[in-house]
């Protein structure tokens, strides 16, 4: 059996419809890095990814410039994100009913990045099974990340094609009674 990447799947959104919608221009193939600005909540997110042709693209930063901290995750050449966890809840300090309050990423290498943010509210988790990976994000953002969504590339199993018969060779025939 041969494994090959299948088409990208869009999942989400989790959060609310405040802020502006942000999405990427080219279909993502591999996530390269993630930059997160955060404090009590997620202020902004940015990332780099490659498309199927290997061209590097940058998305974001989407969101505001607040937050006390900024972290960048750079994935190794054979490292990819196999799980993402996040929470959505209120940011009472700014009287926001719902925004993304935390993000955490886990890779195939067993590395855990985060959680970034305080994590108030409802917790969510998205494991990407069977060799698939998280390859990008899209969101709604204003001064904060109001909603988060994900691009996932599942790994499809492709059945091998029937072997071709060599030239000049005939396939065996089976007699049937009719």
N, C-alpha and C. Protein backbone atom coordinates (compact mmCIF):
# COMPACT_ATOMS: atom_id res chain seq x y z
N UNK A 1 0.83 -1.18 0.00
CA UNK A 1 0.00 0.00 0.00
C UNK A 1 0.87 1.25 0.00
N UNK A 2 0.41 2.26 -0.66
CA UNK A 2 1.13 3.52 -0.75
C UNK A 2 0.34 4.58 0.00
N UNK A 3 1.04 5.44 0.76
CA UNK A 3 0.38 6.53 1.44
C UNK A 3 0.69 7.81 0.68
N UNK A 4 -0.33 8.63 0.54
CA UNK A 4 -0.11 9.91 -0.13
C UNK A 4 -0.98 10.97 0.51
N UNK A 5 -0.59 12.23 0.42
CA UNK A 5 -1.41 13.28 1.01
C UNK A 5 -2.74 13.40 0.29
N UNK A 6 -3.79 13.63 1.03
CA UNK A 6 -5.09 13.84 0.43
C UNK A 6 -5.41 15.34 0.49
N UNK A 7 -6.52 15.76 -0.10
CA UNK A 7 -6.85 17.19 -0.10
C UNK A 7 -6.99 17.75 1.32
N UNK A 8 -6.76 19.03 1.44
CA UNK A 8 -6.86 19.71 2.72
C UNK A 8 -8.32 19.86 3.12
N UNK A 9 -8.58 19.73 4.43
CA UNK A 9 -9.92 19.86 4.98
C UNK A 9 -9.94 21.09 5.89
N UNK A 10 -10.99 21.91 5.78
CA UNK A 10 -11.16 23.07 6.64
C UNK A 10 -12.09 22.70 7.79
N UNK A 11 -11.65 22.95 9.04
CA UNK A 11 -12.45 22.63 10.22
C UNK A 11 -12.63 23.86 11.08
N UNK A 12 -13.84 24.12 11.54
CA UNK A 12 -14.10 25.24 12.45
C UNK A 12 -15.06 26.21 11.82
N UNK A 13 -15.46 27.11 12.60
CA UNK A 13 -14.76 27.97 13.54
C UNK A 13 -15.28 27.75 14.97
N UNK A 14 -14.37 28.02 15.92
CA UNK A 14 -14.69 28.00 17.33
C UNK A 14 -14.44 29.41 17.85
N UNK A 15 -15.46 30.00 18.46
CA UNK A 15 -15.37 31.36 18.96
C UNK A 15 -16.62 32.13 18.57
N UNK A 16 -16.47 33.42 18.27
CA UNK A 16 -17.63 34.20 17.87
C UNK A 16 -17.36 34.93 16.55
N UNK A 17 -18.34 35.69 16.10
CA UNK A 17 -18.21 36.33 14.78
C UNK A 17 -17.74 37.78 14.85
N UNK A 18 -17.13 38.19 15.97
CA UNK A 18 -16.56 39.53 16.07
C UNK A 18 -15.28 39.62 15.24
N UNK A 19 -14.83 40.81 14.98
CA UNK A 19 -13.59 41.00 14.22
C UNK A 19 -13.77 40.71 12.75
N UNK A 20 -12.68 40.75 12.02
CA UNK A 20 -12.67 40.52 10.58
C UNK A 20 -12.23 39.09 10.28
N UNK A 21 -12.74 38.54 9.18
CA UNK A 21 -12.35 37.19 8.75
C UNK A 21 -10.98 37.25 8.07
N UNK A 22 -10.13 36.28 8.37
CA UNK A 22 -8.80 36.18 7.77
C UNK A 22 -8.60 34.75 7.28
N UNK A 23 -8.08 34.61 6.06
CA UNK A 23 -7.82 33.30 5.49
C UNK A 23 -6.58 33.40 4.61
N UNK A 24 -6.11 32.26 4.15
CA UNK A 24 -4.90 32.23 3.33
C UNK A 24 -5.25 32.18 1.85
N UNK A 25 -4.25 32.51 1.00
CA UNK A 25 -4.48 32.58 -0.44
C UNK A 25 -4.21 31.28 -1.17
N UNK A 26 -3.21 30.52 -0.72
CA UNK A 26 -2.81 29.29 -1.41
C UNK A 26 -3.07 28.09 -0.50
N UNK A 27 -3.47 26.98 -1.08
CA UNK A 27 -3.73 25.77 -0.30
C UNK A 27 -2.46 25.34 0.43
N UNK A 28 -2.54 25.13 1.75
CA UNK A 28 -1.35 24.76 2.51
C UNK A 28 -1.00 23.29 2.34
N UNK A 29 0.28 23.00 2.31
CA UNK A 29 0.75 21.62 2.23
C UNK A 29 1.49 21.22 3.51
N UNK A 30 2.31 22.15 4.04
CA UNK A 30 3.08 21.87 5.25
C UNK A 30 3.21 23.14 6.09
N UNK A 31 2.96 23.02 7.38
CA UNK A 31 3.14 24.12 8.31
C UNK A 31 4.62 24.21 8.68
N UNK A 32 5.20 25.40 8.58
CA UNK A 32 6.63 25.59 8.86
C UNK A 32 6.88 26.24 10.23
N UNK A 33 6.09 27.28 10.57
CA UNK A 33 6.29 27.96 11.85
C UNK A 33 4.98 28.62 12.29
N UNK A 34 4.89 28.91 13.60
CA UNK A 34 3.72 29.58 14.18
C UNK A 34 4.23 30.64 15.14
N UNK A 35 3.71 31.87 15.05
CA UNK A 35 4.04 32.94 15.98
C UNK A 35 2.76 33.35 16.71
N UNK A 36 2.84 33.42 18.04
CA UNK A 36 1.67 33.72 18.86
C UNK A 36 2.01 34.88 19.80
N UNK A 37 1.16 35.91 19.78
CA UNK A 37 1.23 37.00 20.77
C UNK A 37 0.15 36.72 21.77
N UNK A 38 0.49 36.76 23.06
CA UNK A 38 -0.49 36.37 24.05
C UNK A 38 -0.20 36.98 25.42
N UNK A 39 -1.23 36.95 26.23
CA UNK A 39 -1.18 37.34 27.63
C UNK A 39 -2.23 36.50 28.33
N UNK A 40 -3.30 37.16 28.79
CA UNK A 40 -4.41 36.40 29.38
C UNK A 40 -5.20 35.66 28.31
N UNK A 41 -5.19 36.20 27.09
CA UNK A 41 -5.86 35.58 25.94
C UNK A 41 -4.88 35.59 24.76
N UNK A 42 -5.31 35.07 23.62
CA UNK A 42 -4.48 35.09 22.41
C UNK A 42 -4.76 36.41 21.69
N UNK A 43 -3.72 37.24 21.59
CA UNK A 43 -3.86 38.54 20.94
C UNK A 43 -3.75 38.41 19.42
N UNK A 44 -2.79 37.61 18.94
CA UNK A 44 -2.65 37.43 17.49
C UNK A 44 -1.94 36.12 17.17
N UNK A 45 -2.10 35.71 15.94
CA UNK A 45 -1.42 34.52 15.43
C UNK A 45 -0.92 34.81 14.02
N UNK A 46 0.25 34.25 13.70
CA UNK A 46 0.82 34.33 12.35
C UNK A 46 1.50 32.99 12.10
N UNK A 47 1.67 32.62 10.85
CA UNK A 47 2.37 31.37 10.56
C UNK A 47 2.93 31.39 9.15
N UNK A 48 3.88 30.51 8.93
CA UNK A 48 4.40 30.29 7.58
C UNK A 48 4.09 28.86 7.18
N UNK A 49 3.86 28.68 5.90
CA UNK A 49 3.55 27.35 5.37
C UNK A 49 4.04 27.26 3.94
N UNK A 50 4.19 26.03 3.47
CA UNK A 50 4.54 25.83 2.06
C UNK A 50 3.33 25.26 1.35
N UNK A 51 3.22 25.61 0.07
CA UNK A 51 2.17 25.03 -0.76
C UNK A 51 2.69 23.73 -1.39
N UNK A 52 1.87 23.10 -2.21
CA UNK A 52 2.24 21.82 -2.82
C UNK A 52 3.52 21.91 -3.65
N UNK A 53 3.78 23.08 -4.24
CA UNK A 53 4.98 23.29 -5.05
C UNK A 53 6.21 23.64 -4.23
N UNK A 54 6.05 23.75 -2.90
CA UNK A 54 7.17 24.06 -2.04
C UNK A 54 7.42 25.54 -1.81
N UNK A 55 6.56 26.42 -2.36
CA UNK A 55 6.73 27.85 -2.19
C UNK A 55 6.29 28.26 -0.78
N UNK A 56 7.10 29.09 -0.11
CA UNK A 56 6.83 29.54 1.25
C UNK A 56 5.85 30.72 1.24
N UNK A 57 4.85 30.67 2.13
CA UNK A 57 3.86 31.73 2.28
C UNK A 57 3.82 32.17 3.74
N UNK A 58 3.50 33.44 3.98
CA UNK A 58 3.33 33.96 5.33
C UNK A 58 1.89 34.42 5.49
N UNK A 59 1.28 34.06 6.62
CA UNK A 59 -0.09 34.47 6.93
C UNK A 59 -0.07 35.24 8.25
N UNK A 60 -0.74 36.38 8.28
CA UNK A 60 -0.82 37.17 9.50
C UNK A 60 0.36 38.12 9.64
N UNK A 61 0.48 38.73 10.78
CA UNK A 61 -0.26 38.42 12.01
C UNK A 61 -1.70 38.91 11.92
N UNK A 62 -2.59 38.06 12.45
CA UNK A 62 -4.01 38.36 12.52
C UNK A 62 -4.35 38.60 13.97
N UNK A 63 -4.87 39.78 14.28
CA UNK A 63 -5.22 40.14 15.65
C UNK A 63 -4.51 41.41 16.05
N UNK A 64 -4.43 41.63 17.36
CA UNK A 64 -3.88 42.87 17.89
C UNK A 64 -2.42 42.77 18.28
N UNK A 65 -1.89 43.89 18.74
CA UNK A 65 -0.47 43.98 19.09
C UNK A 65 -0.25 43.93 20.60
N UNK A 66 -1.33 43.68 21.37
CA UNK A 66 -1.21 43.59 22.83
C UNK A 66 -0.58 42.27 23.25
N UNK A 67 -0.72 41.99 24.51
CA UNK A 67 -0.14 40.75 25.04
C UNK A 67 1.26 41.00 25.54
N UNK A 68 1.60 40.35 26.64
CA UNK A 68 2.91 40.55 27.24
C UNK A 68 3.98 39.67 26.61
N UNK A 69 3.57 38.62 25.92
CA UNK A 69 4.55 37.64 25.44
C UNK A 69 4.34 37.35 23.96
N UNK A 70 5.44 36.94 23.33
CA UNK A 70 5.38 36.48 21.94
C UNK A 70 6.28 35.27 21.83
N UNK A 71 5.73 34.19 21.29
CA UNK A 71 6.50 32.95 21.10
C UNK A 71 6.41 32.53 19.65
N UNK A 72 7.51 31.97 19.14
CA UNK A 72 7.54 31.43 17.79
C UNK A 72 7.95 29.97 17.86
N UNK A 73 7.17 29.14 17.20
CA UNK A 73 7.45 27.71 17.09
C UNK A 73 7.97 27.48 15.68
N UNK A 74 9.16 26.92 15.56
CA UNK A 74 9.72 26.57 14.25
C UNK A 74 9.81 25.06 14.19
N UNK A 75 9.07 24.46 13.26
CA UNK A 75 9.04 23.01 13.14
C UNK A 75 10.26 22.50 12.38
N UNK A 76 10.80 21.38 12.83
CA UNK A 76 11.93 20.76 12.15
C UNK A 76 11.49 20.18 10.81
N UNK A 77 12.45 19.78 9.97
CA UNK A 77 12.13 19.31 8.61
C UNK A 77 11.21 18.10 8.56
N UNK A 78 11.23 17.25 9.59
CA UNK A 78 10.34 16.07 9.60
C UNK A 78 9.31 16.17 10.71
N UNK A 79 9.19 17.35 11.32
CA UNK A 79 8.24 17.55 12.42
C UNK A 79 6.95 18.16 11.88
N UNK A 80 5.82 17.70 12.39
CA UNK A 80 4.53 18.27 12.01
C UNK A 80 3.57 18.20 13.19
N UNK A 81 2.55 19.05 13.16
CA UNK A 81 1.60 19.16 14.26
C UNK A 81 0.55 18.06 14.13
N UNK A 82 0.43 17.25 15.20
CA UNK A 82 -0.52 16.14 15.22
C UNK A 82 -1.72 16.41 16.11
N UNK A 83 -1.65 17.47 16.91
CA UNK A 83 -2.78 17.82 17.78
C UNK A 83 -2.71 19.30 18.11
N UNK A 84 -3.89 19.91 18.17
CA UNK A 84 -4.00 21.29 18.63
C UNK A 84 -5.10 21.31 19.69
N UNK A 85 -4.87 22.07 20.74
CA UNK A 85 -5.88 22.25 21.78
C UNK A 85 -6.02 23.76 22.00
N UNK A 86 -7.21 24.20 22.34
CA UNK A 86 -7.48 25.61 22.54
C UNK A 86 -8.67 25.76 23.46
N UNK A 87 -8.86 26.95 23.95
CA UNK A 87 -10.05 27.25 24.74
C UNK A 87 -10.65 28.55 24.26
N UNK A 88 -11.96 28.64 24.42
CA UNK A 88 -12.72 29.82 24.03
C UNK A 88 -13.53 30.25 25.24
N UNK A 89 -13.41 31.52 25.61
CA UNK A 89 -14.14 32.00 26.76
C UNK A 89 -14.12 33.51 26.84
N UNK A 90 -14.62 34.04 27.95
CA UNK A 90 -14.70 35.49 28.10
C UNK A 90 -13.35 36.11 28.44
N UNK A 91 -13.19 37.35 28.04
CA UNK A 91 -12.06 38.17 28.46
C UNK A 91 -12.69 39.31 29.25
N UNK A 92 -12.90 39.07 30.54
CA UNK A 92 -13.68 39.99 31.37
C UNK A 92 -13.04 41.37 31.49
N UNK A 93 -11.72 41.43 31.47
CA UNK A 93 -11.02 42.71 31.57
C UNK A 93 -11.47 43.68 30.47
N UNK A 94 -11.74 43.16 29.28
CA UNK A 94 -12.14 43.99 28.14
C UNK A 94 -13.62 43.83 27.81
N UNK A 95 -14.37 43.12 28.68
CA UNK A 95 -15.80 42.88 28.50
C UNK A 95 -16.10 42.22 27.16
N UNK A 96 -15.27 41.23 26.80
CA UNK A 96 -15.49 40.46 25.58
C UNK A 96 -16.10 39.12 25.99
N UNK A 97 -17.24 38.80 25.38
CA UNK A 97 -17.97 37.60 25.76
C UNK A 97 -17.19 36.33 25.40
N UNK A 98 -16.65 36.27 24.19
CA UNK A 98 -15.92 35.09 23.75
C UNK A 98 -14.73 35.48 22.89
N UNK A 99 -13.59 34.88 23.17
CA UNK A 99 -12.41 34.99 22.32
C UNK A 99 -11.56 33.74 22.59
N UNK A 100 -10.50 33.55 21.83
CA UNK A 100 -9.62 32.40 22.03
C UNK A 100 -8.72 32.74 23.21
N UNK A 101 -8.82 31.94 24.27
CA UNK A 101 -8.08 32.24 25.50
C UNK A 101 -6.81 31.40 25.67
N UNK A 102 -6.64 30.36 24.84
CA UNK A 102 -5.38 29.60 24.89
C UNK A 102 -5.20 28.79 23.61
N UNK A 103 -3.94 28.46 23.32
CA UNK A 103 -3.58 27.58 22.21
C UNK A 103 -2.43 26.68 22.67
N UNK A 104 -2.45 25.42 22.23
CA UNK A 104 -1.38 24.47 22.52
C UNK A 104 -1.22 23.55 21.31
N UNK A 105 0.02 23.26 20.93
CA UNK A 105 0.32 22.42 19.78
C UNK A 105 1.18 21.24 20.21
N UNK A 106 0.89 20.05 19.68
CA UNK A 106 1.68 18.84 19.95
C UNK A 106 2.15 18.30 18.60
N UNK A 107 3.41 17.86 18.53
CA UNK A 107 3.96 17.38 17.26
C UNK A 107 4.20 15.87 17.26
N UNK A 108 4.48 15.35 16.09
CA UNK A 108 4.79 13.93 15.93
C UNK A 108 6.07 13.54 16.67
N UNK A 109 6.89 14.49 17.03
CA UNK A 109 8.14 14.24 17.77
C UNK A 109 7.91 14.20 19.28
N UNK A 110 6.65 14.39 19.70
CA UNK A 110 6.33 14.39 21.13
C UNK A 110 6.53 15.73 21.80
N UNK A 111 6.86 16.77 21.05
CA UNK A 111 7.04 18.11 21.63
C UNK A 111 5.68 18.75 21.86
N UNK A 112 5.54 19.46 22.98
CA UNK A 112 4.35 20.22 23.29
C UNK A 112 4.74 21.69 23.39
N UNK A 113 4.05 22.54 22.64
CA UNK A 113 4.29 23.98 22.65
C UNK A 113 3.06 24.64 23.25
N UNK A 114 3.22 25.29 24.39
CA UNK A 114 2.11 25.92 25.07
C UNK A 114 1.71 25.09 26.28
N UNK A 115 0.62 25.41 26.89
CA UNK A 115 -0.40 26.33 26.39
C UNK A 115 0.02 27.79 26.51
N UNK A 116 -0.38 28.55 25.50
CA UNK A 116 -0.20 29.99 25.47
C UNK A 116 -1.54 30.60 25.86
N UNK A 117 -1.56 31.55 26.78
CA UNK A 117 -2.81 32.14 27.26
C UNK A 117 -3.26 31.47 28.54
N UNK A 118 -4.24 32.08 29.18
CA UNK A 118 -4.69 31.60 30.49
C UNK A 118 -5.65 30.41 30.39
N UNK A 119 -6.40 30.31 29.32
CA UNK A 119 -7.24 29.13 29.12
C UNK A 119 -8.59 29.16 29.79
N UNK A 120 -9.13 30.35 30.05
CA UNK A 120 -10.48 30.41 30.62
C UNK A 120 -11.49 29.95 29.57
N UNK A 121 -12.59 29.37 30.03
CA UNK A 121 -13.68 29.00 29.12
C UNK A 121 -13.71 27.53 28.79
N UNK A 122 -14.28 27.23 27.64
CA UNK A 122 -14.49 25.85 27.19
C UNK A 122 -13.25 25.36 26.44
N UNK A 123 -12.78 24.18 26.83
CA UNK A 123 -11.57 23.60 26.22
C UNK A 123 -11.95 22.69 25.05
N UNK A 124 -11.14 22.77 24.00
CA UNK A 124 -11.35 21.95 22.80
C UNK A 124 -10.03 21.29 22.43
N UNK A 125 -10.11 20.17 21.72
CA UNK A 125 -8.91 19.48 21.26
C UNK A 125 -9.19 18.84 19.91
N UNK A 126 -8.22 18.91 19.03
CA UNK A 126 -8.34 18.31 17.71
C UNK A 126 -7.12 17.44 17.44
N UNK A 127 -7.25 16.11 17.67
CA UNK A 127 -6.15 15.24 17.28
C UNK A 127 -6.24 14.95 15.79
N UNK A 128 -5.10 14.94 15.11
CA UNK A 128 -5.07 14.61 13.68
C UNK A 128 -4.50 13.20 13.61
N UNK A 129 -5.33 12.26 13.26
CA UNK A 129 -4.98 10.84 13.36
C UNK A 129 -4.35 10.28 12.09
N UNK A 130 -3.76 9.11 12.24
CA UNK A 130 -3.27 8.30 11.11
C UNK A 130 -2.28 9.02 10.20
N UNK A 131 -1.35 9.75 10.80
CA UNK A 131 -0.30 10.37 9.99
C UNK A 131 -0.67 11.67 9.33
N UNK A 132 -1.87 12.19 9.60
CA UNK A 132 -2.26 13.48 9.06
C UNK A 132 -1.60 14.60 9.85
N UNK A 133 -1.81 15.84 9.41
CA UNK A 133 -1.19 16.96 10.13
C UNK A 133 -2.00 18.24 9.99
N UNK A 134 -1.81 19.12 10.97
CA UNK A 134 -2.34 20.47 10.90
C UNK A 134 -1.42 21.25 9.98
N UNK A 135 -1.97 21.91 8.95
CA UNK A 135 -1.12 22.58 7.97
C UNK A 135 -1.38 24.09 7.85
N UNK A 136 -2.35 24.59 8.59
CA UNK A 136 -2.63 26.02 8.55
C UNK A 136 -3.82 26.39 9.40
N UNK A 137 -4.12 27.68 9.45
CA UNK A 137 -5.24 28.19 10.24
C UNK A 137 -5.94 29.30 9.47
N UNK A 138 -7.15 29.59 9.90
CA UNK A 138 -7.86 30.79 9.48
C UNK A 138 -8.67 31.23 10.68
N UNK A 139 -9.11 32.50 10.71
CA UNK A 139 -9.68 32.99 11.95
C UNK A 139 -10.56 34.22 11.73
N UNK A 140 -11.10 34.70 12.85
CA UNK A 140 -11.72 36.02 12.94
C UNK A 140 -10.93 36.75 14.01
N UNK A 141 -10.53 37.97 13.73
CA UNK A 141 -9.70 38.71 14.69
C UNK A 141 -9.96 40.20 14.61
N UNK A 142 -9.81 40.85 15.75
CA UNK A 142 -9.81 42.31 15.87
C UNK A 142 -8.58 42.64 16.70
N UNK A 143 -8.80 43.14 17.90
CA UNK A 143 -7.69 43.35 18.82
C UNK A 143 -7.23 42.03 19.44
N UNK A 144 -8.08 41.02 19.34
CA UNK A 144 -7.80 39.68 19.88
C UNK A 144 -8.25 38.65 18.86
N UNK A 145 -7.87 37.42 19.07
CA UNK A 145 -8.33 36.32 18.23
C UNK A 145 -9.73 35.94 18.71
N UNK A 146 -10.74 36.22 17.91
CA UNK A 146 -12.13 35.99 18.33
C UNK A 146 -12.61 34.58 17.98
N UNK A 147 -12.09 33.99 16.93
CA UNK A 147 -12.47 32.62 16.55
C UNK A 147 -11.29 31.99 15.80
N UNK A 148 -11.15 30.68 15.95
CA UNK A 148 -10.04 29.95 15.31
C UNK A 148 -10.60 28.78 14.51
N UNK A 149 -9.97 28.51 13.39
CA UNK A 149 -10.32 27.40 12.50
C UNK A 149 -9.02 26.81 11.98
N UNK A 150 -9.08 25.59 11.45
CA UNK A 150 -7.85 24.89 11.08
C UNK A 150 -7.94 24.23 9.71
N UNK A 151 -6.79 24.18 9.06
CA UNK A 151 -6.61 23.38 7.85
C UNK A 151 -5.89 22.10 8.27
N UNK A 152 -6.47 20.96 7.91
CA UNK A 152 -5.89 19.67 8.25
C UNK A 152 -5.68 18.89 6.96
N UNK A 153 -4.53 18.25 6.86
CA UNK A 153 -4.24 17.39 5.72
C UNK A 153 -4.21 15.96 6.23
N UNK A 154 -5.31 15.20 5.98
CA UNK A 154 -5.29 13.79 6.37
C UNK A 154 -4.34 13.02 5.45
N UNK A 155 -3.83 11.92 5.92
CA UNK A 155 -2.99 11.07 5.08
C UNK A 155 -3.87 9.93 4.58
N UNK A 156 -4.09 9.88 3.29
CA UNK A 156 -4.94 8.85 2.70
C UNK A 156 -4.11 7.62 2.36
N UNK A 157 -4.73 6.48 2.46
CA UNK A 157 -4.08 5.24 2.04
C UNK A 157 -4.60 4.91 0.65
N UNK A 158 -3.68 4.81 -0.28
CA UNK A 158 -4.03 4.54 -1.67
C UNK A 158 -3.74 3.08 -1.96
N UNK A 159 -4.73 2.37 -2.49
CA UNK A 159 -4.54 0.97 -2.83
C UNK A 159 -3.67 0.86 -4.07
N UNK A 160 -2.79 -0.14 -4.10
CA UNK A 160 -1.93 -0.29 -5.28
C UNK A 160 -2.77 -0.66 -6.50
N UNK A 161 -2.32 -0.19 -7.64
CA UNK A 161 -2.99 -0.52 -8.89
C UNK A 161 -2.71 -1.97 -9.23
N UNK A 162 -3.57 -2.56 -10.03
CA UNK A 162 -3.33 -3.93 -10.47
C UNK A 162 -2.06 -3.97 -11.29
N UNK A 163 -1.24 -5.00 -11.09
CA UNK A 163 -0.01 -5.06 -11.87
C UNK A 163 -0.32 -5.21 -13.36
N UNK A 164 0.42 -4.50 -14.17
CA UNK A 164 0.23 -4.58 -15.62
C UNK A 164 0.80 -5.90 -16.11
N UNK A 165 0.12 -6.48 -17.09
CA UNK A 165 0.65 -7.74 -17.62
C UNK A 165 1.75 -7.44 -18.62
N UNK A 166 2.81 -8.23 -18.58
CA UNK A 166 3.91 -8.03 -19.53
C UNK A 166 3.44 -8.24 -20.97
N UNK A 167 4.11 -7.55 -21.91
CA UNK A 167 3.79 -7.67 -23.33
C UNK A 167 3.84 -9.12 -23.78
N UNK A 168 2.86 -9.49 -24.57
CA UNK A 168 2.84 -10.81 -25.16
C UNK A 168 2.35 -11.91 -24.23
N UNK A 169 2.06 -11.58 -23.01
CA UNK A 169 1.62 -12.59 -22.05
C UNK A 169 0.13 -12.48 -21.92
N UNK A 170 -0.55 -13.60 -21.89
CA UNK A 170 -2.01 -13.56 -21.75
C UNK A 170 -2.37 -13.92 -20.32
N UNK A 171 -3.48 -13.36 -19.88
CA UNK A 171 -3.95 -13.67 -18.54
C UNK A 171 -4.62 -15.02 -18.56
N UNK A 172 -4.57 -15.76 -17.46
CA UNK A 172 -5.24 -17.06 -17.43
C UNK A 172 -6.74 -16.86 -17.58
N UNK A 173 -7.39 -17.82 -18.20
CA UNK A 173 -8.83 -17.74 -18.38
C UNK A 173 -9.48 -18.78 -17.49
N UNK A 174 -10.68 -18.48 -17.08
CA UNK A 174 -11.42 -19.38 -16.23
C UNK A 174 -12.67 -19.79 -17.00
N UNK A 175 -12.86 -21.07 -17.12
CA UNK A 175 -14.06 -21.57 -17.81
C UNK A 175 -15.23 -21.51 -16.88
N UNK A 176 -16.34 -21.01 -17.39
CA UNK A 176 -17.56 -20.97 -16.59
C UNK A 176 -18.64 -21.71 -17.32
N UNK A 177 -19.52 -22.32 -16.55
CA UNK A 177 -20.66 -23.00 -17.14
C UNK A 177 -21.77 -21.99 -17.31
N UNK A 178 -22.39 -21.98 -18.43
CA UNK A 178 -23.39 -20.96 -18.66
C UNK A 178 -24.61 -21.50 -19.06
